[in-house]
């Protein structure tokens, strides 16, 4: 992926991605 290859992210933005992006997804999967 050319888009992913150019993606740059700092510590704070990565924390937001994990907390508000990945966490709800995996939590929903567990409850399913």
ModelCIF file with pLDDT and N, C-alpha, C, O atoms, coordinates in Angstrom:
data_MODEL
#
_entry.id   MODEL 
#
_entity.id                         1 
_entity.type                       polymer 
_entity.pdbx_number_of_molecules   1 
#
_entity_poly.entity_id                      1 
_entity_poly.type                           'polypeptide(L)' 
_entity_poly.nstd_linkage                   no 
_entity_poly.nstd_monomer                   no 
_entity_poly.pdbx_seq_one_letter_code       
;(UNK)(UNK)(UNK)(UNK)(UNK)(UNK)(UNK)(UNK)(UNK)(UNK)(UNK)(UNK)(UNK)(UNK)(UNK)(UNK)
(UNK)(UNK)(UNK)(UNK)(UNK)(UNK)(UNK)(UNK)(UNK)(UNK)(UNK)(UNK)(UNK)(UNK)(UNK)(UNK)
;
_entity_poly.pdbx_seq_one_letter_code_can   XXXXXXXXXXXXXXXXXXXXXXXXXXXXXXXX 
_entity_poly.pdbx_strand_id                 A 
#
loop_
_entity_poly_seq.entity_id 
_entity_poly_seq.num 
_entity_poly_seq.mon_id 
_entity_poly_seq.hetero 
1 1  UNK n 
1 2  UNK n 
1 3  UNK n 
1 4  UNK n 
1 5  UNK n 
1 6  UNK n 
1 7  UNK n 
1 8  UNK n 
1 9  UNK n 
1 10 UNK n 
1 11 UNK n 
1 12 UNK n 
1 13 UNK n 
1 14 UNK n 
1 15 UNK n 
1 16 UNK n 
1 17 UNK n 
1 18 UNK n 
1 19 UNK n 
1 20 UNK n 
1 21 UNK n 
1 22 UNK n 
1 23 UNK n 
1 24 UNK n 
1 25 UNK n 
1 26 UNK n 
1 27 UNK n 
1 28 UNK n 
1 29 UNK n 
1 30 UNK n 
1 31 UNK n 
1 32 UNK n 
#
_struct_asym.id          A 
_struct_asym.entity_id   1 
#
loop_
_ma_qa_metric.id 
_ma_qa_metric.mode 
_ma_qa_metric.name 
_ma_qa_metric.software_group_id 
_ma_qa_metric.type 
1 global pLDDT . pLDDT 
2 local  pLDDT . pLDDT 
#
_ma_qa_metric_global.metric_id      1 
_ma_qa_metric_global.metric_value   89.94 
_ma_qa_metric_global.model_id       1 
_ma_qa_metric_global.ordinal_id     1 
#
loop_
_ma_qa_metric_local.label_asym_id 
_ma_qa_metric_local.label_comp_id 
_ma_qa_metric_local.label_seq_id 
_ma_qa_metric_local.metric_id 
_ma_qa_metric_local.metric_value 
_ma_qa_metric_local.model_id 
_ma_qa_metric_local.ordinal_id 
A UNK 1  2 91.00 1 1  
A UNK 2  2 89.00 1 2  
A UNK 3  2 89.00 1 3  
A UNK 4  2 86.00 1 4  
A UNK 5  2 85.00 1 5  
A UNK 6  2 85.00 1 6  
A UNK 7  2 83.00 1 7  
A UNK 8  2 85.00 1 8  
A UNK 9  2 86.00 1 9  
A UNK 10 2 91.00 1 10 
A UNK 11 2 93.00 1 11 
A UNK 12 2 94.00 1 12 
A UNK 13 2 92.00 1 13 
A UNK 14 2 91.00 1 14 
A UNK 15 2 94.00 1 15 
A UNK 16 2 94.00 1 16 
A UNK 17 2 91.00 1 17 
A UNK 18 2 92.00 1 18 
A UNK 19 2 91.00 1 19 
A UNK 20 2 94.00 1 20 
A UNK 21 2 92.00 1 21 
A UNK 22 2 92.00 1 22 
A UNK 23 2 90.00 1 23 
A UNK 24 2 90.00 1 24 
A UNK 25 2 92.00 1 25 
A UNK 26 2 90.00 1 26 
A UNK 27 2 89.00 1 27 
A UNK 28 2 89.00 1 28 
A UNK 29 2 90.00 1 29 
A UNK 30 2 90.00 1 30 
A UNK 31 2 89.00 1 31 
A UNK 32 2 89.00 1 32 
#
loop_
_atom_site.group_PDB 
_atom_site.id 
_atom_site.type_symbol 
_atom_site.label_atom_id 
_atom_site.label_alt_id 
_atom_site.label_comp_id 
_atom_site.label_asym_id 
_atom_site.label_entity_id 
_atom_site.label_seq_id 
_atom_site.pdbx_PDB_ins_code 
_atom_site.Cartn_x 
_atom_site.Cartn_y 
_atom_site.Cartn_z 
_atom_site.occupancy 
_atom_site.B_iso_or_equiv 
_atom_site.pdbx_formal_charge 
_atom_site.auth_seq_id 
_atom_site.auth_comp_id 
_atom_site.auth_asym_id 
_atom_site.auth_atom_id 
_atom_site.pdbx_PDB_model_num 
ATOM 1   N N  . UNK A 1 1  ? 0.842   -1.207  0.000  1.00 91.00 ? 1  UNK A N  1 
ATOM 2   C CA . UNK A 1 1  ? 0.000   0.000   0.000  1.00 91.00 ? 1  UNK A CA 1 
ATOM 3   C C  . UNK A 1 1  ? 0.870   1.248   0.000  1.00 91.00 ? 1  UNK A C  1 
ATOM 4   O O  . UNK A 1 1  ? 1.669   1.454   0.913  1.00 91.00 ? 1  UNK A O  1 
ATOM 5   N N  . UNK A 1 2  ? 0.715   2.079   -1.024 1.00 89.00 ? 2  UNK A N  1 
ATOM 6   C CA . UNK A 1 2  ? 1.457   3.340   -1.094 1.00 89.00 ? 2  UNK A CA 1 
ATOM 7   C C  . UNK A 1 2  ? 0.978   4.319   -0.024 1.00 89.00 ? 2  UNK A C  1 
ATOM 8   O O  . UNK A 1 2  ? 1.759   5.108   0.509  1.00 89.00 ? 2  UNK A O  1 
ATOM 9   N N  . UNK A 1 3  ? -0.319  4.256   0.281  1.00 89.00 ? 3  UNK A N  1 
ATOM 10  C CA . UNK A 1 3  ? -0.873  5.160   1.299  1.00 89.00 ? 3  UNK A CA 1 
ATOM 11  C C  . UNK A 1 3  ? -0.277  4.838   2.665  1.00 89.00 ? 3  UNK A C  1 
ATOM 12  O O  . UNK A 1 3  ? 0.177   5.730   3.383  1.00 89.00 ? 3  UNK A O  1 
ATOM 13  N N  . UNK A 1 4  ? -0.283  3.542   3.017  1.00 86.00 ? 4  UNK A N  1 
ATOM 14  C CA . UNK A 1 4  ? 0.250   3.145   4.320  1.00 86.00 ? 4  UNK A CA 1 
ATOM 15  C C  . UNK A 1 4  ? 1.744   3.431   4.411  1.00 86.00 ? 4  UNK A C  1 
ATOM 16  O O  . UNK A 1 4  ? 2.237   3.798   5.478  1.00 86.00 ? 4  UNK A O  1 
ATOM 17  N N  . UNK A 1 5  ? 2.471   3.267   3.305  1.00 85.00 ? 5  UNK A N  1 
ATOM 18  C CA . UNK A 1 5  ? 3.922   3.484   3.312  1.00 85.00 ? 5  UNK A CA 1 
ATOM 19  C C  . UNK A 1 5  ? 4.268   4.940   3.633  1.00 85.00 ? 5  UNK A C  1 
ATOM 20  O O  . UNK A 1 5  ? 5.327   5.217   4.196  1.00 85.00 ? 5  UNK A O  1 
ATOM 21  N N  . UNK A 1 6  ? 3.378   5.865   3.276  1.00 85.00 ? 6  UNK A N  1 
ATOM 22  C CA . UNK A 1 6  ? 3.645   7.286   3.516  1.00 85.00 ? 6  UNK A CA 1 
ATOM 23  C C  . UNK A 1 6  ? 3.053   7.797   4.823  1.00 85.00 ? 6  UNK A C  1 
ATOM 24  O O  . UNK A 1 6  ? 3.200   8.969   5.169  1.00 85.00 ? 6  UNK A O  1 
ATOM 25  N N  . UNK A 1 7  ? 2.377   6.896   5.551  1.00 83.00 ? 7  UNK A N  1 
ATOM 26  C CA . UNK A 1 7  ? 1.713   7.323   6.787  1.00 83.00 ? 7  UNK A CA 1 
ATOM 27  C C  . UNK A 1 7  ? 2.748   7.559   7.887  1.00 83.00 ? 7  UNK A C  1 
ATOM 28  O O  . UNK A 1 7  ? 3.571   6.686   8.162  1.00 83.00 ? 7  UNK A O  1 
ATOM 29  N N  . UNK A 1 8  ? 2.711   8.714   8.504  1.00 85.00 ? 8  UNK A N  1 
ATOM 30  C CA . UNK A 1 8  ? 3.582   9.035   9.647  1.00 85.00 ? 8  UNK A CA 1 
ATOM 31  C C  . UNK A 1 8  ? 2.701   9.447   10.813 1.00 85.00 ? 8  UNK A C  1 
ATOM 32  O O  . UNK A 1 8  ? 1.673   10.100  10.636 1.00 85.00 ? 8  UNK A O  1 
ATOM 33  N N  . UNK A 1 9  ? 3.119   9.054   12.006 1.00 86.00 ? 9  UNK A N  1 
ATOM 34  C CA . UNK A 1 9  ? 2.261   9.314   13.155 1.00 86.00 ? 9  UNK A CA 1 
ATOM 35  C C  . UNK A 1 9  ? 3.118   9.491   14.403 1.00 86.00 ? 9  UNK A C  1 
ATOM 36  O O  . UNK A 1 9  ? 4.035   8.707   14.648 1.00 86.00 ? 9  UNK A O  1 
ATOM 37  N N  . UNK A 1 10 ? 2.817   10.525  15.193 1.00 91.00 ? 10 UNK A N  1 
ATOM 38  C CA . UNK A 1 10 ? 3.533   10.746  16.445 1.00 91.00 ? 10 UNK A CA 1 
ATOM 39  C C  . UNK A 1 10 ? 2.929   9.934   17.582 1.00 91.00 ? 10 UNK A C  1 
ATOM 40  O O  . UNK A 1 10 ? 1.935   9.229   17.405 1.00 91.00 ? 10 UNK A O  1 
ATOM 41  N N  . UNK A 1 11 ? 3.535   10.045  18.725 1.00 93.00 ? 11 UNK A N  1 
ATOM 42  C CA . UNK A 1 11 ? 3.111   9.263   19.892 1.00 93.00 ? 11 UNK A CA 1 
ATOM 43  C C  . UNK A 1 11 ? 1.674   9.574   20.296 1.00 93.00 ? 11 UNK A C  1 
ATOM 44  O O  . UNK A 1 11 ? 0.895   8.659   20.562 1.00 93.00 ? 11 UNK A O  1 
ATOM 45  N N  . UNK A 1 12 ? 1.321   10.839  20.343 1.00 94.00 ? 12 UNK A N  1 
ATOM 46  C CA . UNK A 1 12 ? -0.020  11.239  20.786 1.00 94.00 ? 12 UNK A CA 1 
ATOM 47  C C  . UNK A 1 12 ? -1.098  10.769  19.817 1.00 94.00 ? 12 UNK A C  1 
ATOM 48  O O  . UNK A 1 12 ? -2.131  10.235  20.222 1.00 94.00 ? 12 UNK A O  1 
ATOM 49  N N  . UNK A 1 13 ? -0.830  10.983  18.503 1.00 92.00 ? 13 UNK A N  1 
ATOM 50  C CA . UNK A 1 13 ? -1.813  10.571  17.501 1.00 92.00 ? 13 UNK A CA 1 
ATOM 51  C C  . UNK A 1 13 ? -1.973  9.052   17.495 1.00 92.00 ? 13 UNK A C  1 
ATOM 52  O O  . UNK A 1 13 ? -3.079  8.544   17.316 1.00 92.00 ? 13 UNK A O  1 
ATOM 53  N N  . UNK A 1 14 ? -0.866  8.327   17.691 1.00 91.00 ? 14 UNK A N  1 
ATOM 54  C CA . UNK A 1 14 ? -0.933  6.870   17.739 1.00 91.00 ? 14 UNK A CA 1 
ATOM 55  C C  . UNK A 1 14 ? -1.762  6.412   18.936 1.00 91.00 ? 14 UNK A C  1 
ATOM 56  O O  . UNK A 1 14 ? -2.523  5.450   18.839 1.00 91.00 ? 14 UNK A O  1 
ATOM 57  N N  . UNK A 1 15 ? -1.610  7.110   20.069 1.00 94.00 ? 15 UNK A N  1 
ATOM 58  C CA . UNK A 1 15 ? -2.402  6.773   21.263 1.00 94.00 ? 15 UNK A CA 1 
ATOM 59  C C  . UNK A 1 15 ? -3.892  6.965   20.995 1.00 94.00 ? 15 UNK A C  1 
ATOM 60  O O  . UNK A 1 15 ? -4.712  6.145   21.409 1.00 94.00 ? 15 UNK A O  1 
ATOM 61  N N  . UNK A 1 16 ? -4.240  8.053   20.297 1.00 94.00 ? 16 UNK A N  1 
ATOM 62  C CA . UNK A 1 16 ? -5.645  8.289   19.938 1.00 94.00 ? 16 UNK A CA 1 
ATOM 63  C C  . UNK A 1 16 ? -6.162  7.204   18.999 1.00 94.00 ? 16 UNK A C  1 
ATOM 64  O O  . UNK A 1 16 ? -7.298  6.748   19.134 1.00 94.00 ? 16 UNK A O  1 
ATOM 65  N N  . UNK A 1 17 ? -5.331  6.796   18.051 1.00 91.00 ? 17 UNK A N  1 
ATOM 66  C CA . UNK A 1 17 ? -5.744  5.773   17.096 1.00 91.00 ? 17 UNK A CA 1 
ATOM 67  C C  . UNK A 1 17 ? -6.049  4.461   17.816 1.00 91.00 ? 17 UNK A C  1 
ATOM 68  O O  . UNK A 1 17 ? -7.041  3.792   17.524 1.00 91.00 ? 17 UNK A O  1 
ATOM 69  N N  . UNK A 1 18 ? -5.180  4.107   18.760 1.00 92.00 ? 18 UNK A N  1 
ATOM 70  C CA . UNK A 1 18 ? -5.388  2.859   19.512 1.00 92.00 ? 18 UNK A CA 1 
ATOM 71  C C  . UNK A 1 18 ? -6.636  2.960   20.385 1.00 92.00 ? 18 UNK A C  1 
ATOM 72  O O  . UNK A 1 18 ? -7.473  2.057   20.400 1.00 92.00 ? 18 UNK A O  1 
ATOM 73  N N  . UNK A 1 19 ? -6.748  4.086   21.119 1.00 91.00 ? 19 UNK A N  1 
ATOM 74  C CA . UNK A 1 19 ? -7.833  4.238   22.100 1.00 91.00 ? 19 UNK A CA 1 
ATOM 75  C C  . UNK A 1 19 ? -9.205  4.369   21.441 1.00 91.00 ? 19 UNK A C  1 
ATOM 76  O O  . UNK A 1 19 ? -10.168 3.732   21.867 1.00 91.00 ? 19 UNK A O  1 
ATOM 77  N N  . UNK A 1 20 ? -9.286  5.197   20.401 1.00 94.00 ? 20 UNK A N  1 
ATOM 78  C CA . UNK A 1 20 ? -10.593 5.499   19.822 1.00 94.00 ? 20 UNK A CA 1 
ATOM 79  C C  . UNK A 1 20 ? -10.841 4.804   18.481 1.00 94.00 ? 20 UNK A C  1 
ATOM 80  O O  . UNK A 1 20 ? -11.940 4.877   17.932 1.00 94.00 ? 20 UNK A O  1 
ATOM 81  N N  . UNK A 1 21 ? -9.803  4.123   17.954 1.00 92.00 ? 21 UNK A N  1 
ATOM 82  C CA . UNK A 1 21 ? -9.978  3.413   16.688 1.00 92.00 ? 21 UNK A CA 1 
ATOM 83  C C  . UNK A 1 21 ? -9.969  1.907   16.862 1.00 92.00 ? 21 UNK A C  1 
ATOM 84  O O  . UNK A 1 21 ? -10.946 1.232   16.538 1.00 92.00 ? 21 UNK A O  1 
ATOM 85  N N  . UNK A 1 22 ? -8.873  1.383   17.368 1.00 92.00 ? 22 UNK A N  1 
ATOM 86  C CA . UNK A 1 22 ? -8.725  -0.060  17.487 1.00 92.00 ? 22 UNK A CA 1 
ATOM 87  C C  . UNK A 1 22 ? -9.506  -0.640  18.670 1.00 92.00 ? 22 UNK A C  1 
ATOM 88  O O  . UNK A 1 22 ? -10.135 -1.691  18.551 1.00 92.00 ? 22 UNK A O  1 
ATOM 89  N N  . UNK A 1 23 ? -9.458  0.058   19.817 1.00 90.00 ? 23 UNK A N  1 
ATOM 90  C CA . UNK A 1 23 ? -10.097 -0.484  21.019 1.00 90.00 ? 23 UNK A CA 1 
ATOM 91  C C  . UNK A 1 23 ? -11.598 -0.755  20.827 1.00 90.00 ? 23 UNK A C  1 
ATOM 92  O O  . UNK A 1 23 ? -12.052 -1.854  21.147 1.00 90.00 ? 23 UNK A O  1 
ATOM 93  N N  . UNK A 1 24 ? -12.379 0.202   20.321 1.00 90.00 ? 24 UNK A N  1 
ATOM 94  C CA . UNK A 1 24 ? -13.818 -0.080  20.133 1.00 90.00 ? 24 UNK A CA 1 
ATOM 95  C C  . UNK A 1 24 ? -14.055 -1.269  19.205 1.00 90.00 ? 24 UNK A C  1 
ATOM 96  O O  . UNK A 1 24 ? -14.988 -2.045  19.411 1.00 90.00 ? 24 UNK A O  1 
ATOM 97  N N  . UNK A 1 25 ? -13.207 -1.411  18.178 1.00 92.00 ? 25 UNK A N  1 
ATOM 98  C CA . UNK A 1 25 ? -13.389 -2.519  17.243 1.00 92.00 ? 25 UNK A CA 1 
ATOM 99  C C  . UNK A 1 25 ? -13.198 -3.862  17.956 1.00 92.00 ? 25 UNK A C  1 
ATOM 100 O O  . UNK A 1 25 ? -14.052 -4.745  17.869 1.00 92.00 ? 25 UNK A O  1 
ATOM 101 N N  . UNK A 1 26 ? -12.082 -4.007  18.655 1.00 90.00 ? 26 UNK A N  1 
ATOM 102 C CA . UNK A 1 26 ? -11.799 -5.285  19.309 1.00 90.00 ? 26 UNK A CA 1 
ATOM 103 C C  . UNK A 1 26 ? -12.762 -5.555  20.463 1.00 90.00 ? 26 UNK A C  1 
ATOM 104 O O  . UNK A 1 26 ? -13.114 -6.703  20.733 1.00 90.00 ? 26 UNK A O  1 
ATOM 105 N N  . UNK A 1 27 ? -13.181 -4.488  21.139 1.00 89.00 ? 27 UNK A N  1 
ATOM 106 C CA . UNK A 1 27 ? -14.163 -4.660  22.211 1.00 89.00 ? 27 UNK A CA 1 
ATOM 107 C C  . UNK A 1 27 ? -15.479 -5.182  21.653 1.00 89.00 ? 27 UNK A C  1 
ATOM 108 O O  . UNK A 1 27 ? -16.096 -6.072  22.239 1.00 89.00 ? 27 UNK A O  1 
ATOM 109 N N  . UNK A 1 28 ? -15.910 -4.632  20.524 1.00 89.00 ? 28 UNK A N  1 
ATOM 110 C CA . UNK A 1 28 ? -17.141 -5.112  19.883 1.00 89.00 ? 28 UNK A CA 1 
ATOM 111 C C  . UNK A 1 28 ? -17.008 -6.573  19.468 1.00 89.00 ? 28 UNK A C  1 
ATOM 112 O O  . UNK A 1 28 ? -17.953 -7.351  19.596 1.00 89.00 ? 28 UNK A O  1 
ATOM 113 N N  . UNK A 1 29 ? -15.832 -6.941  18.970 1.00 90.00 ? 29 UNK A N  1 
ATOM 114 C CA . UNK A 1 29 ? -15.607 -8.324  18.555 1.00 90.00 ? 29 UNK A CA 1 
ATOM 115 C C  . UNK A 1 29 ? -15.726 -9.281  19.739 1.00 90.00 ? 29 UNK A C  1 
ATOM 116 O O  . UNK A 1 29 ? -16.301 -10.363 19.619 1.00 90.00 ? 29 UNK A O  1 
ATOM 117 N N  . UNK A 1 30 ? -15.175 -8.869  20.888 1.00 90.00 ? 30 UNK A N  1 
ATOM 118 C CA . UNK A 1 30 ? -15.243 -9.719  22.089 1.00 90.00 ? 30 UNK A CA 1 
ATOM 119 C C  . UNK A 1 30 ? -16.695 -9.903  22.517 1.00 90.00 ? 30 UNK A C  1 
ATOM 120 O O  . UNK A 1 30 ? -17.125 -11.018 22.809 1.00 90.00 ? 30 UNK A O  1 
ATOM 121 N N  . UNK A 1 31 ? -17.457 -8.789  22.554 1.00 89.00 ? 31 UNK A N  1 
ATOM 122 C CA . UNK A 1 31 ? -18.847 -8.872  23.006 1.00 89.00 ? 31 UNK A CA 1 
ATOM 123 C C  . UNK A 1 31 ? -19.721 -9.650  22.019 1.00 89.00 ? 31 UNK A C  1 
ATOM 124 O O  . UNK A 1 31 ? -20.714 -10.258 22.419 1.00 89.00 ? 31 UNK A O  1 
ATOM 125 N N  . UNK A 1 32 ? -19.359 -9.634  20.738 1.00 89.00 ? 32 UNK A N  1 
ATOM 126 C CA . UNK A 1 32 ? -20.072 -10.474 19.773 1.00 89.00 ? 32 UNK A CA 1 
ATOM 127 C C  . UNK A 1 32 ? -19.879 -11.957 20.101 1.00 89.00 ? 32 UNK A C  1 
ATOM 128 O O  . UNK A 1 32 ? -20.406 -12.819 19.397 1.00 89.00 ? 32 UNK A O  1 
#
